[in-house]
Amino acid sequence: MPAQPVTVDLMVVPGLGFDEYGNRLGRGRGFYDRFLAHPEFAGIACALAFEEQVCPTIPAGPLDRRVSMLVTDAKVRRFQ
């Protein structure tokens, strides 16, 4: 049975690349974006990455959702 968004406190979100604003480059299917956009999800979206995966900007569309936190091997970034 899939998890209900209201029961999730922390979502670890994968990505191929991230930027300094919390945008991420996923694999193009939108699964995590749809989950994070659910009105009942009030948890933290956290991504784990290597610092080499962080670039100045990632193109983001209107359906893309940002992560709340990005943890790399060099530092922790928190986004609004």
PDB file of N, CA and C in Angstrom:
ATOM      1  N   MET A   1       0.831  -1.172   0.000  1.00  0.00           N
ATOM      2  CA  MET A   1       0.000   0.000   0.000  1.00  0.00           C
ATOM      3  C   MET A   1       0.879   1.240   0.000  1.00  0.00           C
ATOM      4  N   PRO A   2       0.664   2.172  -0.915  1.00  0.00           N
ATOM      5  CA  PRO A   2       1.492   3.381  -0.977  1.00  0.00           C
ATOM      6  C   PRO A   2       1.301   4.259   0.259  1.00  0.00           C
ATOM      7  N   ALA A   3       2.344   4.990   0.618  1.00  0.00           N
ATOM      8  CA  ALA A   3       2.264   5.909   1.752  1.00  0.00           C
ATOM      9  C   ALA A   3       1.350   7.076   1.415  1.00  0.00           C
ATOM     10  N   GLN A   4       0.593   7.506   2.388  1.00  0.00           N
ATOM     11  CA  GLN A   4      -0.258   8.674   2.221  1.00  0.00           C
ATOM     12  C   GLN A   4       0.584   9.915   2.520  1.00  0.00           C
ATOM     13  N   PRO A   5       0.481  10.961   1.708  1.00  0.00           N
ATOM     14  CA  PRO A   5       1.315  12.160   1.908  1.00  0.00           C
ATOM     15  C   PRO A   5       1.210  12.759   3.304  1.00  0.00           C
ATOM     16  N   VAL A   6       0.068  12.661   3.929  1.00  0.00           N
ATOM     17  CA  VAL A   6      -0.110  13.249   5.254  1.00  0.00           C
ATOM     18  C   VAL A   6       0.721  12.525   6.314  1.00  0.00           C
ATOM     19  N   THR A   7       1.116  11.275   6.071  1.00  0.00           N
ATOM     20  CA  THR A   7       1.877  10.498   7.050  1.00  0.00           C
ATOM     21  C   THR A   7       3.393  10.627   6.886  1.00  0.00           C
ATOM     22  N   VAL A   8       3.848  11.306   5.851  1.00  0.00           N
ATOM     23  CA  VAL A   8       5.284  11.404   5.564  1.00  0.00           C
ATOM     24  C   VAL A   8       5.854  12.687   6.165  1.00  0.00           C
ATOM     25  N   ASP A   9       6.843  12.533   7.059  1.00  0.00           N
ATOM     26  CA  ASP A   9       7.494  13.689   7.676  1.00  0.00           C
ATOM     27  C   ASP A   9       8.757  14.116   6.923  1.00  0.00           C
ATOM     28  N   LEU A  10       9.451  13.138   6.346  1.00  0.00           N
ATOM     29  CA  LEU A  10      10.695  13.416   5.627  1.00  0.00           C
ATOM     30  C   LEU A  10      10.716  12.595   4.347  1.00  0.00           C
ATOM     31  N   MET A  11      10.914  13.265   3.227  1.00  0.00           N
ATOM     32  CA  MET A  11      10.999  12.584   1.934  1.00  0.00           C
ATOM     33  C   MET A  11      12.416  12.792   1.397  1.00  0.00           C
ATOM     34  N   VAL A  12      13.150  11.707   1.201  1.00  0.00           N
ATOM     35  CA  VAL A  12      14.479  11.783   0.601  1.00  0.00           C
ATOM     36  C   VAL A  12      14.278  11.717  -0.906  1.00  0.00           C
ATOM     37  N   VAL A  13      14.643  12.813  -1.571  1.00  0.00           N
ATOM     38  CA  VAL A  13      14.353  12.989  -2.993  1.00  0.00           C
ATOM     39  C   VAL A  13      15.639  12.814  -3.804  1.00  0.00           C
ATOM     40  N   PRO A  14      15.641  11.909  -4.778  1.00  0.00           N
ATOM     41  CA  PRO A  14      16.836  11.726  -5.602  1.00  0.00           C
ATOM     42  C   PRO A  14      16.937  12.792  -6.690  1.00  0.00           C
ATOM     43  N   GLY A  15      18.098  12.897  -7.265  1.00  0.00           N
ATOM     44  CA  GLY A  15      18.279  13.817  -8.378  1.00  0.00           C
ATOM     45  C   GLY A  15      19.643  13.632  -9.022  1.00  0.00           C
ATOM     46  N   LEU A  16      19.720  13.999 -10.288  1.00  0.00           N
ATOM     47  CA  LEU A  16      20.989  13.924 -11.005  1.00  0.00           C
ATOM     48  C   LEU A  16      21.823  15.182 -10.777  1.00  0.00           C
ATOM     49  N   GLY A  17      21.136  16.306 -10.556  1.00  0.00           N
ATOM     50  CA  GLY A  17      21.813  17.574 -10.319  1.00  0.00           C
ATOM     51  C   GLY A  17      20.910  18.508  -9.535  1.00  0.00           C
ATOM     52  N   PHE A  18      21.522  19.488  -8.873  1.00  0.00           N
ATOM     53  CA  PHE A  18      20.799  20.434  -8.028  1.00  0.00           C
ATOM     54  C   PHE A  18      21.399  21.817  -8.223  1.00  0.00           C
ATOM     55  N   ASP A  19      20.607  22.852  -7.895  1.00  0.00           N
ATOM     56  CA  ASP A  19      21.167  24.196  -7.950  1.00  0.00           C
ATOM     57  C   ASP A  19      21.098  24.865  -6.585  1.00  0.00           C
ATOM     58  N   GLU A  20      21.556  26.102  -6.523  1.00  0.00           N
ATOM     59  CA  GLU A  20      21.644  26.853  -5.276  1.00  0.00           C
ATOM     60  C   GLU A  20      20.283  27.341  -4.777  1.00  0.00           C
ATOM     61  N   TYR A  21      19.205  27.011  -5.477  1.00  0.00           N
ATOM     62  CA  TYR A  21      17.860  27.465  -5.100  1.00  0.00           C
ATOM     63  C   TYR A  21      16.949  26.307  -4.689  1.00  0.00           C
ATOM     64  N   GLY A  22      17.470  25.090  -4.731  1.00  0.00           N
ATOM     65  CA  GLY A  22      16.674  23.932  -4.363  1.00  0.00           C
ATOM     66  C   GLY A  22      16.032  23.226  -5.542  1.00  0.00           C
ATOM     67  N   ASN A  23      16.255  23.712  -6.757  1.00  0.00           N
ATOM     68  CA  ASN A  23      15.743  23.013  -7.938  1.00  0.00           C
ATOM     69  C   ASN A  23      16.577  21.762  -8.167  1.00  0.00           C
ATOM     70  N   ARG A  24      15.959  20.753  -8.789  1.00  0.00           N
ATOM     71  CA  ARG A  24      16.679  19.517  -9.043  1.00  0.00           C
ATOM     72  C   ARG A  24      16.390  19.009 -10.443  1.00  0.00           C
ATOM     73  N   LEU A  25      17.314  18.270 -10.948  1.00  0.00           N
ATOM     74  CA  LEU A  25      17.158  17.591 -12.224  1.00  0.00           C
ATOM     75  C   LEU A  25      16.908  16.127 -11.901  1.00  0.00           C
ATOM     76  N   GLY A  26      15.690  15.672 -12.164  1.00  0.00           N
ATOM     77  CA  GLY A  26      15.336  14.284 -11.895  1.00  0.00           C
ATOM     78  C   GLY A  26      15.516  13.439 -13.141  1.00  0.00           C
ATOM     79  N   ARG A  27      14.755  12.385 -13.232  1.00  0.00           N
ATOM     80  CA  ARG A  27      14.848  11.488 -14.385  1.00  0.00           C
ATOM     81  C   ARG A  27      13.710  11.697 -15.378  1.00  0.00           C
ATOM     82  N   GLY A  28      12.883  12.712 -15.163  1.00  0.00           N
ATOM     83  CA  GLY A  28      11.903  13.107 -16.163  1.00  0.00           C
ATOM     84  C   GLY A  28      10.530  12.467 -16.097  1.00  0.00           C
ATOM     85  N   ARG A  29      10.229  11.715 -15.063  1.00  0.00           N
ATOM     86  CA  ARG A  29       8.917  11.071 -15.002  1.00  0.00           C
ATOM     87  C   ARG A  29       7.956  11.798 -14.069  1.00  0.00           C
ATOM     88  N   GLY A  30       8.456  12.687 -13.201  1.00  0.00           N
ATOM     89  CA  GLY A  30       7.604  13.525 -12.371  1.00  0.00           C
ATOM     90  C   GLY A  30       7.019  12.881 -11.132  1.00  0.00           C
ATOM     91  N   PHE A  31       7.448  11.672 -10.767  1.00  0.00           N
ATOM     92  CA  PHE A  31       6.875  10.998  -9.602  1.00  0.00           C
ATOM     93  C   PHE A  31       7.054  11.825  -8.334  1.00  0.00           C
ATOM     94  N   TYR A  32       8.277  12.251  -8.051  1.00  0.00           N
ATOM     95  CA  TYR A  32       8.538  12.999  -6.826  1.00  0.00           C
ATOM     96  C   TYR A  32       7.884  14.374  -6.869  1.00  0.00           C
ATOM     97  N   ASP A  33       7.866  15.027  -8.012  1.00  0.00           N
ATOM     98  CA  ASP A  33       7.206  16.329  -8.133  1.00  0.00           C
ATOM     99  C   ASP A  33       5.714  16.218  -7.824  1.00  0.00           C
ATOM    100  N   ARG A  34       5.071  15.182  -8.310  1.00  0.00           N
ATOM    101  CA  ARG A  34       3.641  14.986  -8.027  1.00  0.00           C
ATOM    102  C   ARG A  34       3.404  14.722  -6.547  1.00  0.00           C
ATOM    103  N   PHE A  35       4.261  13.913  -5.942  1.00  0.00           N
ATOM    104  CA  PHE A  35       4.105  13.630  -4.513  1.00  0.00           C
ATOM    105  C   PHE A  35       4.313  14.896  -3.687  1.00  0.00           C
ATOM    106  N   LEU A  36       5.364  15.660  -3.981  1.00  0.00           N
ATOM    107  CA  LEU A  36       5.665  16.872  -3.220  1.00  0.00           C
ATOM    108  C   LEU A  36       4.602  17.949  -3.412  1.00  0.00           C
ATOM    109  N   ALA A  37       3.905  17.927  -4.535  1.00  0.00           N
ATOM    110  CA  ALA A  37       2.870  18.919  -4.811  1.00  0.00           C
ATOM    111  C   ALA A  37       1.540  18.572  -4.158  1.00  0.00           C
ATOM    112  N   HIS A  38       1.426  17.377  -3.607  1.00  0.00           N
ATOM    113  CA  HIS A  38       0.162  16.956  -3.007  1.00  0.00           C
ATOM    114  C   HIS A  38      -0.192  17.906  -1.853  1.00  0.00           C
ATOM    115  N   PRO A  39      -1.430  18.380  -1.786  1.00  0.00           N
ATOM    116  CA  PRO A  39      -1.816  19.347  -0.745  1.00  0.00           C
ATOM    117  C   PRO A  39      -1.664  18.841   0.690  1.00  0.00           C
ATOM    118  N   GLU A  40      -1.687  17.529   0.896  1.00  0.00           N
ATOM    119  CA  GLU A  40      -1.563  16.983   2.249  1.00  0.00           C
ATOM    120  C   GLU A  40      -0.113  16.766   2.682  1.00  0.00           C
ATOM    121  N   PHE A  41       0.843  16.927   1.760  1.00  0.00           N
ATOM    122  CA  PHE A  41       2.244  16.740   2.136  1.00  0.00           C
ATOM    123  C   PHE A  41       2.752  18.005   2.823  1.00  0.00           C
ATOM    124  N   ALA A  42       3.139  17.866   4.094  1.00  0.00           N
ATOM    125  CA  ALA A  42       3.655  19.002   4.857  1.00  0.00           C
ATOM    126  C   ALA A  42       5.041  18.695   5.417  1.00  0.00           C
ATOM    127  N   GLY A  43       5.660  17.628   4.928  1.00  0.00           N
ATOM    128  CA  GLY A  43       6.964  17.219   5.431  1.00  0.00           C
ATOM    129  C   GLY A  43       8.103  17.992   4.787  1.00  0.00           C
ATOM    130  N   ILE A  44       9.306  17.526   5.065  1.00  0.00           N
ATOM    131  CA  ILE A  44      10.527  18.118   4.523  1.00  0.00           C
ATOM    132  C   ILE A  44      11.000  17.270   3.353  1.00  0.00           C
ATOM    133  N   ALA A  45      11.305  17.924   2.242  1.00  0.00           N
ATOM    134  CA  ALA A  45      11.871  17.248   1.080  1.00  0.00           C
ATOM    135  C   ALA A  45      13.384  17.476   1.122  1.00  0.00           C
ATOM    136  N   CYS A  46      14.131  16.419   1.326  1.00  0.00           N
ATOM    137  CA  CYS A  46      15.582  16.512   1.486  1.00  0.00           C
ATOM    138  C   CYS A  46      16.271  15.699   0.390  1.00  0.00           C
ATOM    139  N   ALA A  47      17.306  16.279  -0.186  1.00  0.00           N
ATOM    140  CA  ALA A  47      18.097  15.575  -1.202  1.00  0.00           C
ATOM    141  C   ALA A  47      19.508  15.352  -0.672  1.00  0.00           C
ATOM    142  N   LEU A  48      20.085  14.228  -1.046  1.00  0.00           N
ATOM    143  CA  LEU A  48      21.462  13.889  -0.708  1.00  0.00           C
ATOM    144  C   LEU A  48      22.259  13.847  -1.999  1.00  0.00           C
ATOM    145  N   ALA A  49      23.414  14.495  -2.005  1.00  0.00           N
ATOM    146  CA  ALA A  49      24.196  14.557  -3.245  1.00  0.00           C
ATOM    147  C   ALA A  49      25.663  14.814  -2.927  1.00  0.00           C
ATOM    148  N   PHE A  50      26.480  14.646  -3.938  1.00  0.00           N
ATOM    149  CA  PHE A  50      27.871  15.081  -3.854  1.00  0.00           C
ATOM    150  C   PHE A  50      27.928  16.546  -4.266  1.00  0.00           C
ATOM    151  N   GLU A  51      28.878  17.279  -3.747  1.00  0.00           N
ATOM    152  CA  GLU A  51      29.004  18.704  -4.076  1.00  0.00           C
ATOM    153  C   GLU A  51      29.200  18.909  -5.580  1.00  0.00           C
ATOM    154  N   GLU A  52      29.783  17.941  -6.266  1.00  0.00           N
ATOM    155  CA  GLU A  52      29.990  18.031  -7.711  1.00  0.00           C
ATOM    156  C   GLU A  52      28.670  18.035  -8.488  1.00  0.00           C
ATOM    157  N   GLN A  53      27.577  17.619  -7.858  1.00  0.00           N
ATOM    158  CA  GLN A  53      26.266  17.603  -8.512  1.00  0.00           C
ATOM    159  C   GLN A  53      25.545  18.948  -8.411  1.00  0.00           C
ATOM    160  N   VAL A  54      26.123  19.905  -7.699  1.00  0.00           N
ATOM    161  CA  VAL A  54      25.502  21.217  -7.523  1.00  0.00           C
ATOM    162  C   VAL A  54      26.063  22.175  -8.569  1.00  0.00           C
ATOM    163  N   CYS A  55      25.161  22.839  -9.290  1.00  0.00           N
ATOM    164  CA  CYS A  55      25.557  23.820 -10.301  1.00  0.00           C
ATOM    165  C   CYS A  55      24.807  25.127 -10.042  1.00  0.00           C
ATOM    166  N   PRO A  56      25.179  26.209 -10.707  1.00  0.00           N
ATOM    167  CA  PRO A  56      24.541  27.504 -10.433  1.00  0.00           C
ATOM    168  C   PRO A  56      23.027  27.510 -10.651  1.00  0.00           C
ATOM    169  N   THR A  57      22.549  26.949 -11.759  1.00  0.00           N
ATOM    170  CA  THR A  57      21.105  26.924 -12.009  1.00  0.00           C
ATOM    171  C   THR A  57      20.712  25.634 -12.722  1.00  0.00           C
ATOM    172  N   ILE A  58      19.498  25.212 -12.453  1.00  0.00           N
ATOM    173  CA  ILE A  58      18.870  24.063 -13.117  1.00  0.00           C
ATOM    174  C   ILE A  58      17.587  24.594 -13.746  1.00  0.00           C
ATOM    175  N   PRO A  59      17.307  24.276 -14.999  1.00  0.00           N
ATOM    176  CA  PRO A  59      16.041  24.729 -15.576  1.00  0.00           C
ATOM    177  C   PRO A  59      14.856  24.083 -14.846  1.00  0.00           C
ATOM    178  N   ALA A  60      13.875  24.897 -14.490  1.00  0.00           N
ATOM    179  CA  ALA A  60      12.718  24.390 -13.757  1.00  0.00           C
ATOM    180  C   ALA A  60      11.441  24.912 -14.401  1.00  0.00           C
ATOM    181  N   GLY A  61      10.471  24.026 -14.531  1.00  0.00           N
ATOM    182  CA  GLY A  61       9.181  24.383 -15.097  1.00  0.00           C
ATOM    183  C   GLY A  61       8.147  24.588 -14.003  1.00  0.00           C
ATOM    184  N   PRO A  62       6.926  24.917 -14.390  1.00  0.00           N
ATOM    185  CA  PRO A  62       5.876  25.194 -13.401  1.00  0.00           C
ATOM    186  C   PRO A  62       5.451  23.969 -12.586  1.00  0.00           C
ATOM    187  N   LEU A  63       5.696  22.770 -13.062  1.00  0.00           N
ATOM    188  CA  LEU A  63       5.316  21.562 -12.326  1.00  0.00           C
ATOM    189  C   LEU A  63       6.445  21.011 -11.458  1.00  0.00           C
ATOM    190  N   ASP A  64       7.641  21.568 -11.600  1.00  0.00           N
ATOM    191  CA  ASP A  64       8.792  21.110 -10.819  1.00  0.00           C
ATOM    192  C   ASP A  64       8.704  21.640  -9.396  1.00  0.00           C
ATOM    193  N   ARG A  65       9.044  20.807  -8.425  1.00  0.00           N
ATOM    194  CA  ARG A  65       9.029  21.184  -7.015  1.00  0.00           C
ATOM    195  C   ARG A  65      10.448  21.209  -6.490  1.00  0.00           C
ATOM    196  N   ARG A  66      10.733  22.208  -5.687  1.00  0.00           N
ATOM    197  CA  ARG A  66      12.059  22.346  -5.076  1.00  0.00           C
ATOM    198  C   ARG A  66      12.163  21.469  -3.831  1.00  0.00           C
ATOM    199  N   VAL A  67      13.400  21.163  -3.458  1.00  0.00           N
ATOM    200  CA  VAL A  67      13.627  20.480  -2.196  1.00  0.00           C
ATOM    201  C   VAL A  67      13.764  21.524  -1.094  1.00  0.00           C
ATOM    202  N   SER A  68      13.492  21.132   0.134  1.00  0.00           N
ATOM    203  CA  SER A  68      13.610  22.031   1.285  1.00  0.00           C
ATOM    204  C   SER A  68      15.037  22.097   1.794  1.00  0.00           C
ATOM    205  N   MET A  69      15.783  21.007   1.548  1.00  0.00           N
ATOM    206  CA  MET A  69      17.128  20.894   2.086  1.00  0.00           C
ATOM    207  C   MET A  69      17.979  20.063   1.135  1.00  0.00           C
ATOM    208  N   LEU A  70      19.236  20.461   0.986  1.00  0.00           N
ATOM    209  CA  LEU A  70      20.194  19.712   0.179  1.00  0.00           C
ATOM    210  C   LEU A  70      21.421  19.448   1.034  1.00  0.00           C
ATOM    211  N   VAL A  71      21.725  18.174   1.250  1.00  0.00           N
ATOM    212  CA  VAL A  71      22.873  17.778   2.059  1.00  0.00           C
ATOM    213  C   VAL A  71      23.914  17.177   1.124  1.00  0.00           C
ATOM    214  N   THR A  72      25.105  17.779   1.118  1.00  0.00           N
ATOM    215  CA  THR A  72      26.202  17.251   0.302  1.00  0.00           C
ATOM    216  C   THR A  72      27.365  16.865   1.210  1.00  0.00           C
ATOM    217  N   ASP A  73      28.418  16.356   0.602  1.00  0.00           N
ATOM    218  CA  ASP A  73      29.607  16.004   1.362  1.00  0.00           C
ATOM    219  C   ASP A  73      30.351  17.243   1.867  1.00  0.00           C
ATOM    220  N   ALA A  74      29.986  18.444   1.388  1.00  0.00           N
ATOM    221  CA  ALA A  74      30.659  19.671   1.788  1.00  0.00           C
ATOM    222  C   ALA A  74      29.833  20.550   2.734  1.00  0.00           C
ATOM    223  N   LYS A  75      28.506  20.594   2.538  1.00  0.00           N
ATOM    224  CA  LYS A  75      27.684  21.440   3.395  1.00  0.00           C
ATOM    225  C   LYS A  75      26.204  21.106   3.304  1.00  0.00           C
ATOM    226  N   VAL A  76      25.443  21.755   4.161  1.00  0.00           N
ATOM    227  CA  VAL A  76      23.998  21.594   4.199  1.00  0.00           C
ATOM    228  C   VAL A  76      23.371  22.920   3.761  1.00  0.00           C
ATOM    229  N   ARG A  77      22.469  22.838   2.786  1.00  0.00           N
ATOM    230  CA  ARG A  77      21.769  24.023   2.308  1.00  0.00           C
ATOM    231  C   ARG A  77      20.293  23.867   2.670  1.00  0.00           C
ATOM    232  N   ARG A  78      19.698  24.941   3.170  1.00  0.00           N
ATOM    233  CA  ARG A  78      18.271  24.957   3.489  1.00  0.00           C
ATOM    234  C   ARG A  78      17.604  26.020   2.622  1.00  0.00           C
ATOM    235  N   PHE A  79      16.442  25.685   2.084  1.00  0.00           N
ATOM    236  CA  PHE A  79      15.727  26.588   1.184  1.00  0.00           C
ATOM    237  C   PHE A  79      14.353  26.888   1.745  1.00  0.00           C
ATOM    238  N   GLN A  80      13.816  28.049   1.376  1.00  0.00           N
ATOM    239  CA  GLN A  80      12.457  28.430   1.805  1.00  0.00           C
ATOM    240  C   GLN A  80      11.437  27.742   0.971  1.00  0.00           C
TER     241      GLN A  80
END
